[in-house]
């Protein structure tokens, strides 16, 4: 093969240099760029607007908006809320929003509540499919069992959200859930409520208005009922994690669960004085019991072994109650294909054997 001439070598080198100088990212289709933006925090995506005239409005094509703030409620948080409001206002109205994620510290404040109400109007008018409202509360970190002692706190979800036909996935943390009228969530498939007061009326409205709901998680919630009836034909997965309740209630309060169409049930986390009783779970295929229940002092920092180390009469009686409850739970799920028991359940069964 004959060697290339100096002219052809120069042309090849020039071509490589032109290719290196070429802005290939800017030449990507808008659909690809918006997909890349969906993996970035929205603040980062917005910053690309300063790159050039071409990039000034590229970020408005993203179908995913993620707003995260680690600041406490102060002037910085107000700046953060203004940034969110401005971003939602400038976002391309022809683009369907798939996911809106907001994480920030929450404190009762008229300005913040007005901003949140406007943002959820945006959710309603732009057919947002996945909404995540993650609000932090310092009280929960210090004393989780008394967070609702003075009544429900947190952000009050506006009524417009309860008639959102496009929403498929909703996750809230430290929000007041209380629809005053009917709920209409025909597309909702997954609902996760954390740090919320849940009444029987609220839960029944949600179940009646969510004909497609498949997954329900109640985490660190306070229940205002002692019987959970789920007749929904669509709901298949139920997760109950760490029910919050004040220490002034009756010892060994019982939560009865009747859900004949459930396929998966998980009871996990810490409980102070709450027993569980399964009534009808005849369709259950998988059960997951990974919880611990201490009554006399509500201390969850020690293991079961440490709990029973001081073999007081009260603790002996508690173990009998725990063992009896576990026996009843296991009898009700004897037909499942897969059963998982956490450390506490296994230890209680070992220390006070189930007949």
Protein backbone atom coordinates (compact mmCIF):
# COMPACT_ATOMS: atom_id res chain seq x y z
CA UNK A 1 0.00 0.00 0.00
CA UNK A 2 1.48 3.34 -1.07
CA UNK A 3 2.09 5.92 1.65
CA UNK A 4 -0.31 8.89 1.71
CA UNK A 5 0.94 12.16 0.26
CA UNK A 6 1.69 15.11 2.56
CA UNK A 7 -1.40 16.85 1.15
CA UNK A 8 -3.75 13.99 2.05
CA UNK A 9 -2.19 13.72 5.51
CA UNK A 10 -2.80 17.45 6.06
CA UNK A 11 -6.42 17.13 4.93
CA UNK A 12 -7.01 14.20 7.30
CA UNK A 13 -5.45 16.12 10.17
CA UNK A 14 -7.59 19.18 9.41
CA UNK A 15 -10.71 17.03 9.34
CA UNK A 16 -9.90 15.59 12.78
CA UNK A 17 -9.39 19.11 14.16
CA UNK A 18 -12.74 20.26 12.75
CA UNK A 19 -14.43 17.25 14.31
CA UNK A 20 -12.81 18.04 17.68
CA UNK A 21 -14.03 21.65 17.50
CA UNK A 22 -17.55 20.60 16.53
CA UNK A 23 -20.17 20.94 19.29
CA UNK A 24 -21.69 17.50 18.98
CA UNK A 25 -23.81 17.77 22.13
CA UNK A 26 -25.62 20.84 20.83
CA UNK A 27 -26.40 18.97 17.64
CA UNK A 28 -28.13 16.14 19.46
CA UNK A 29 -31.92 15.91 18.98
CA UNK A 30 -33.95 17.80 21.56
CA UNK A 31 -35.50 14.51 22.71
CA UNK A 32 -32.04 13.17 23.63
CA UNK A 33 -31.02 16.37 25.43
CA UNK A 34 -34.25 16.44 27.44
CA UNK A 35 -33.68 12.80 28.39
CA UNK A 36 -30.19 13.69 29.66
CA UNK A 37 -31.66 16.60 31.66
CA UNK A 38 -34.12 14.23 33.34
CA UNK A 39 -31.19 12.68 35.26
CA UNK A 40 -29.93 16.03 36.57
CA UNK A 41 -31.11 18.26 39.42
CA UNK A 42 -33.19 21.01 37.85
CA UNK A 43 -30.86 23.71 39.17
CA UNK A 44 -28.00 22.12 37.20
CA UNK A 45 -30.11 21.88 34.07
CA UNK A 46 -31.15 25.54 34.32
CA UNK A 47 -27.49 26.57 34.60
CA UNK A 48 -26.88 25.33 31.04
CA UNK A 49 -28.85 28.35 29.82
CA UNK A 50 -25.70 30.50 30.19
CA UNK A 51 -23.65 28.34 27.80
CA UNK A 52 -24.86 30.01 24.61
CA UNK A 53 -27.92 31.40 22.86
CA UNK A 54 -28.65 27.91 21.58
CA UNK A 55 -28.77 26.51 25.13
CA UNK A 56 -30.79 29.36 26.63
CA UNK A 57 -34.08 27.47 26.57
CA UNK A 58 -32.93 23.85 26.21
CA UNK A 59 -33.58 23.09 29.88
CA UNK A 60 -37.28 23.92 29.45
CA UNK A 61 -37.65 20.70 27.45
CA UNK A 62 -36.98 18.38 30.39
CA UNK A 63 -39.93 16.22 31.50
CA UNK A 64 -38.48 15.81 35.00
CA UNK A 65 -38.16 18.64 37.52
CA UNK A 66 -36.16 17.93 40.68
CA UNK A 67 -35.84 20.61 43.37
CA UNK A 68 -33.75 19.75 46.42
CA UNK A 69 -32.76 22.07 49.25
CA UNK A 70 -30.77 21.28 52.40
CA UNK A 71 -31.33 24.69 53.96
CA UNK A 72 -33.37 25.33 57.06
CA UNK A 73 -36.37 27.65 56.75
CA UNK A 74 -34.75 31.07 56.42
CA UNK A 75 -33.92 33.64 53.76
CA UNK A 76 -32.14 30.99 51.70
CA UNK A 77 -35.32 28.93 51.62
CA UNK A 78 -37.26 31.95 50.37
CA UNK A 79 -34.72 32.29 47.57
CA UNK A 80 -35.20 28.61 46.84
CA UNK A 81 -38.99 28.99 46.62
CA UNK A 82 -38.59 31.92 44.24
CA UNK A 83 -36.30 29.80 42.09
CA UNK A 84 -38.93 27.03 41.92
CA UNK A 85 -41.71 29.49 41.05
CA UNK A 86 -39.62 31.11 38.32
CA UNK A 87 -38.60 27.73 36.87
CA UNK A 88 -42.16 26.44 36.69
CA UNK A 89 -43.28 29.69 35.06
CA UNK A 90 -40.59 29.50 32.35
CA UNK A 91 -40.89 25.79 31.63
CA UNK A 92 -42.03 24.95 28.11
CA UNK A 93 -45.82 24.58 28.29
CA UNK A 94 -45.91 22.12 25.39
CA UNK A 95 -43.80 19.56 27.28
CA UNK A 96 -45.62 16.97 29.38
CA UNK A 97 -44.20 16.79 32.91
CA UNK A 98 -43.61 13.23 33.98
CA UNK A 99 -42.07 13.77 37.43
CA UNK A 100 -42.01 16.71 39.85
CA UNK A 101 -39.88 16.22 42.98
CA UNK A 102 -39.72 18.86 45.73
CA UNK A 103 -37.60 18.35 48.86
CA UNK A 104 -37.24 21.13 51.42
CA UNK A 105 -37.60 22.05 55.07
CA UNK A 106 -41.17 22.98 55.96
CA UNK A 107 -42.39 25.45 58.54
CA UNK A 108 -45.85 26.97 58.80
CA UNK A 109 -45.58 30.21 56.87
CA UNK A 110 -48.24 31.98 54.71
CA UNK A 111 -45.70 32.80 52.02
CA UNK A 112 -44.51 29.21 51.68
CA UNK A 113 -48.06 27.84 51.72
CA UNK A 114 -49.10 30.25 48.97
CA UNK A 115 -46.12 29.16 46.86
CA UNK A 116 -46.92 25.48 47.38
CA UNK A 117 -50.54 26.04 46.41
CA UNK A 118 -49.42 27.69 43.16
CA UNK A 119 -47.00 24.85 42.44
CA UNK A 120 -49.75 22.26 42.85
CA UNK A 121 -51.93 24.27 40.49
CA UNK A 122 -49.08 23.79 38.03
CA UNK A 123 -49.21 20.04 38.77
CA UNK A 124 -52.92 20.01 38.01
CA UNK A 125 -52.78 22.04 34.80
CA UNK A 126 -49.67 20.36 33.36
CA UNK A 127 -50.85 16.76 33.87
CA UNK A 128 -47.91 15.77 36.10
CA UNK A 129 -47.77 11.96 36.36
CA UNK A 130 -45.44 11.52 39.35
CA UNK A 131 -45.41 13.92 42.30
CA UNK A 132 -43.13 13.70 45.32
CA UNK A 133 -43.45 16.24 48.16
CA UNK A 134 -40.69 15.59 50.68
CA UNK A 135 -40.92 18.06 53.56
CA UNK A 136 -38.62 17.80 56.58
CA UNK A 137 -39.51 18.44 60.21
CA UNK A 138 -36.95 18.78 63.00
CA UNK A 139 -39.43 17.71 65.72
CA UNK A 140 -39.71 14.23 64.20
CA UNK A 141 -35.98 13.69 64.54
CA UNK A 142 -36.01 14.65 68.23
CA UNK A 143 -39.28 13.14 69.42
CA UNK A 144 -41.19 11.18 66.77
CA UNK A 145 -43.86 9.90 69.15
CA UNK A 146 -45.11 13.40 70.00
CA UNK A 147 -45.06 15.00 66.57
CA UNK A 148 -48.87 15.07 66.37
CA UNK A 149 -49.60 15.74 70.06
CA UNK A 150 -50.84 19.27 69.30
CA UNK A 151 -52.85 18.20 66.27
CA UNK A 152 -51.85 17.60 62.63
CA UNK A 153 -49.09 19.81 61.30
CA UNK A 154 -47.39 19.97 57.97
CA UNK A 155 -48.56 21.30 54.63
CA UNK A 156 -52.29 21.05 53.93
CA UNK A 157 -52.75 19.51 50.48
CA UNK A 158 -55.15 21.67 48.42
CA UNK A 159 -58.46 20.21 47.26
CA UNK A 160 -57.50 20.60 43.59
CA UNK A 161 -54.94 17.82 43.97
CA UNK A 162 -57.60 15.24 44.90
CA UNK A 163 -59.18 15.47 41.44
CA UNK A 164 -56.03 15.08 39.37
CA UNK A 165 -56.85 12.61 36.56
CA UNK A 166 -53.28 12.11 35.28
CA UNK A 167 -51.35 11.41 38.47
CA UNK A 168 -49.95 7.87 38.60
CA UNK A 169 -47.59 8.03 41.57
CA UNK A 170 -47.91 10.24 44.66
CA UNK A 171 -45.48 10.40 47.58
CA UNK A 172 -45.88 12.82 50.48
CA UNK A 173 -43.88 13.47 53.63
CA UNK A 174 -45.25 15.68 56.44
CA UNK A 175 -48.43 16.70 54.60
CA UNK A 176 -51.97 16.96 55.92
CA UNK A 177 -54.10 14.58 53.88
CA UNK A 178 -57.78 15.44 54.27
CA UNK A 179 -60.04 15.61 51.21
CA UNK A 180 -63.27 17.45 52.02
CA UNK A 181 -65.01 16.03 48.95
CA UNK A 182 -64.69 12.94 46.79
CA UNK A 183 -61.29 11.82 45.55
CA UNK A 184 -60.81 11.21 41.83
CA UNK A 185 -57.47 9.60 41.02
CA UNK A 186 -58.38 7.22 38.16
CA UNK A 187 -54.75 6.78 37.04
CA UNK A 188 -53.09 6.50 40.46
CA UNK A 189 -51.16 3.26 40.88
CA UNK A 190 -48.85 4.02 43.83
CA UNK A 191 -49.50 6.07 46.97
CA UNK A 192 -46.99 6.57 49.80
CA UNK A 193 -47.92 8.65 52.84
CA UNK A 194 -45.31 9.43 55.50
CA UNK A 195 -45.75 11.51 58.66
CA UNK A 196 -49.47 12.01 58.15
CA UNK A 197 -52.55 11.67 60.31
CA UNK A 198 -54.78 9.14 58.54
CA UNK A 199 -58.47 8.96 59.41
CA UNK A 200 -60.84 6.19 58.38
CA UNK A 201 -62.88 8.65 56.30
CA UNK A 202 -59.79 9.88 54.43
CA UNK A 203 -58.55 6.39 53.68
CA UNK A 204 -61.93 5.20 52.42
CA UNK A 205 -62.29 8.25 50.15
CA UNK A 206 -58.85 7.53 48.69
CA UNK A 207 -59.60 3.85 48.11
CA UNK A 208 -63.00 4.57 46.55
CA UNK A 209 -61.56 7.25 44.26
CA UNK A 210 -58.48 5.31 43.13
CA UNK A 211 -59.76 2.44 41.02
CA UNK A 212 -56.27 1.63 39.66
CA UNK A 213 -54.34 1.80 42.94
CA UNK A 214 -51.97 -1.16 43.28
CA UNK A 215 -49.49 -0.09 46.00
CA UNK A 216 -50.18 1.68 49.31
CA UNK A 217 -47.55 2.54 51.92
CA UNK A 218 -48.31 4.16 55.28
CA UNK A 219 -45.05 5.07 57.02
CA UNK A 220 -44.74 6.80 60.40
CA UNK A 221 -48.41 7.73 60.23
CA UNK A 222 -50.86 8.21 63.07
CA UNK A 223 -53.99 6.12 62.60
CA UNK A 224 -57.33 7.50 63.77
CA UNK A 225 -58.99 4.08 63.52
CA UNK A 226 -58.58 0.55 64.87
CA UNK A 227 -59.81 -1.38 61.85
CA UNK A 228 -58.43 -1.19 58.34
CA UNK A 229 -60.92 -2.49 55.76
CA UNK A 230 -59.58 -2.68 52.22
CA UNK A 231 -62.13 -3.97 49.73
CA UNK A 232 -60.34 -2.52 46.70
CA UNK A 233 -60.02 -5.06 43.90
CA UNK A 234 -56.96 -3.33 42.45
CA UNK A 235 -54.81 -2.89 45.59
CA UNK A 236 -52.29 -5.73 45.75
CA UNK A 237 -49.44 -4.43 47.95
CA UNK A 238 -49.83 -2.91 51.42
CA UNK A 239 -46.91 -1.68 53.56
CA UNK A 240 -47.44 -0.45 57.13
CA UNK A 241 -44.25 0.90 58.67
CA UNK A 242 -44.01 2.28 62.23
CA UNK A 243 -47.43 3.54 63.26
CA UNK A 244 -47.07 6.69 65.35
CA UNK A 245 -49.26 7.09 68.40
CA UNK A 246 -49.04 8.91 71.75
CA UNK A 247 -48.06 7.01 74.87
CA UNK A 248 -51.38 7.79 76.54
CA UNK A 249 -53.39 5.13 74.71
CA UNK A 250 -54.52 1.77 76.02
CA UNK A 251 -51.88 -0.90 76.36
CA UNK A 252 -51.78 -3.27 73.40
CA UNK A 253 -54.12 -1.33 71.11
CA UNK A 254 -55.14 -3.63 68.26
CA UNK A 255 -55.21 -2.73 64.58
CA UNK A 256 -57.41 -5.17 62.68
CA UNK A 257 -56.69 -5.64 58.99
CA UNK A 258 -59.14 -7.04 56.49
CA UNK A 259 -57.93 -7.08 52.88
CA UNK A 260 -59.22 -10.11 50.97
CA UNK A 261 -57.62 -9.11 47.66
CA UNK A 262 -54.09 -8.33 48.87
CA UNK A 263 -51.20 -10.30 47.41
CA UNK A 264 -48.40 -8.75 49.52
CA UNK A 265 -48.49 -7.49 53.11
CA UNK A 266 -45.59 -5.92 54.98
CA UNK A 267 -45.64 -4.89 58.63
CA UNK A 268 -42.29 -3.39 59.58
CA UNK A 269 -40.59 -0.84 61.79
CA UNK A 270 -40.95 0.17 65.45
CA UNK A 271 -44.18 0.14 67.44
CA UNK A 272 -44.85 1.35 70.93
CA UNK A 273 -48.09 -0.29 72.00
CA UNK A 274 -49.78 -1.60 68.90
CA UNK A 275 -50.87 -5.16 68.19
CA UNK A 276 -51.96 -6.46 64.82
CA UNK A 277 -54.77 -8.84 64.01
CA UNK A 278 -55.41 -10.20 60.54
CA UNK A 279 -59.04 -10.91 59.69
CA UNK A 280 -59.27 -11.78 55.99
CA UNK A 281 -56.11 -12.01 53.92
CA UNK A 282 -57.17 -15.07 51.97
CA UNK A 283 -55.51 -14.03 48.68
CA UNK A 284 -52.14 -13.26 50.25
CA UNK A 285 -49.14 -14.74 48.43
CA UNK A 286 -46.30 -13.08 50.37
CA UNK A 287 -46.06 -11.77 53.93
CA UNK A 288 -43.20 -9.77 55.47
CA UNK A 289 -43.17 -9.32 59.26
CA UNK A 290 -40.11 -7.32 60.30
CA UNK A 291 -41.23 -5.21 63.27
CA UNK A 292 -40.49 -4.82 66.96
CA UNK A 293 -42.93 -3.97 69.71
CA UNK A 294 -41.90 -2.71 73.14
CA UNK A 295 -44.41 -1.51 75.67
CA UNK A 296 -43.00 -0.63 79.06
CA UNK A 297 -40.64 2.20 78.11
CA UNK A 298 -40.84 2.66 74.34
CA UNK A 299 -37.07 2.39 73.96
CA UNK A 300 -36.09 1.01 70.56
CA UNK A 301 -32.33 1.44 70.93
CA UNK A 302 -31.77 -1.99 72.43
CA UNK A 303 -32.13 -5.49 71.08
CA UNK A 304 -34.66 -8.11 72.14
CA UNK A 305 -31.94 -9.83 74.14
CA UNK A 306 -31.32 -6.62 76.10
CA UNK A 307 -35.04 -6.14 76.55
CA UNK A 308 -35.49 -9.51 78.23
CA UNK A 309 -32.24 -9.31 80.17
CA UNK A 310 -34.08 -7.91 83.17
CA UNK A 311 -36.64 -10.63 83.58
CA UNK A 312 -39.27 -8.57 85.33
CA UNK A 313 -42.77 -9.94 85.68
CA UNK A 314 -44.06 -7.23 83.34
CA UNK A 315 -41.66 -8.21 80.61
CA UNK A 316 -42.53 -11.89 81.00
CA UNK A 317 -46.18 -10.99 80.53
CA UNK A 318 -45.32 -8.82 77.52
CA UNK A 319 -43.45 -11.69 75.89
CA UNK A 320 -46.51 -13.89 76.30
CA UNK A 321 -48.63 -11.28 74.59
CA UNK A 322 -46.09 -10.83 71.81
CA UNK A 323 -45.84 -14.58 71.31
CA UNK A 324 -49.61 -14.97 71.19
CA UNK A 325 -49.91 -12.19 68.63
CA UNK A 326 -47.23 -13.74 66.43
CA UNK A 327 -48.93 -17.12 66.61
CA UNK A 328 -52.22 -15.61 65.44
CA UNK A 329 -50.48 -13.72 62.61
CA UNK A 330 -48.67 -16.83 61.43
CA UNK A 331 -51.86 -18.88 61.50
CA UNK A 332 -53.54 -16.32 59.26
CA UNK A 333 -50.73 -16.41 56.69
CA UNK A 334 -50.08 -20.16 56.79
CA UNK A 335 -51.19 -20.42 53.15
CA UNK A 336 -48.69 -17.91 51.69
CA UNK A 337 -45.97 -19.00 49.30
CA UNK A 338 -43.29 -16.78 50.84
CA UNK A 339 -42.94 -15.65 54.45
CA UNK A 340 -40.19 -13.40 55.85
CA UNK A 341 -39.68 -12.90 59.59
CA UNK A 342 -37.42 -10.18 60.96
CA UNK A 343 -34.99 -10.46 63.84
CA UNK A 344 -37.42 -9.37 66.57
CA UNK A 345 -40.13 -11.84 65.53
CA UNK A 346 -37.65 -14.71 65.41
CA UNK A 347 -36.16 -13.82 68.80
CA UNK A 348 -39.56 -13.53 70.50
CA UNK A 349 -40.53 -16.90 69.08
CA UNK A 350 -37.25 -18.36 70.35
CA UNK A 351 -37.39 -16.80 73.82
CA UNK A 352 -41.04 -17.67 74.30
CA UNK A 353 -41.69 -20.56 71.90
CA UNK A 354 -44.90 -20.57 69.90
CA UNK A 355 -46.80 -23.81 70.56
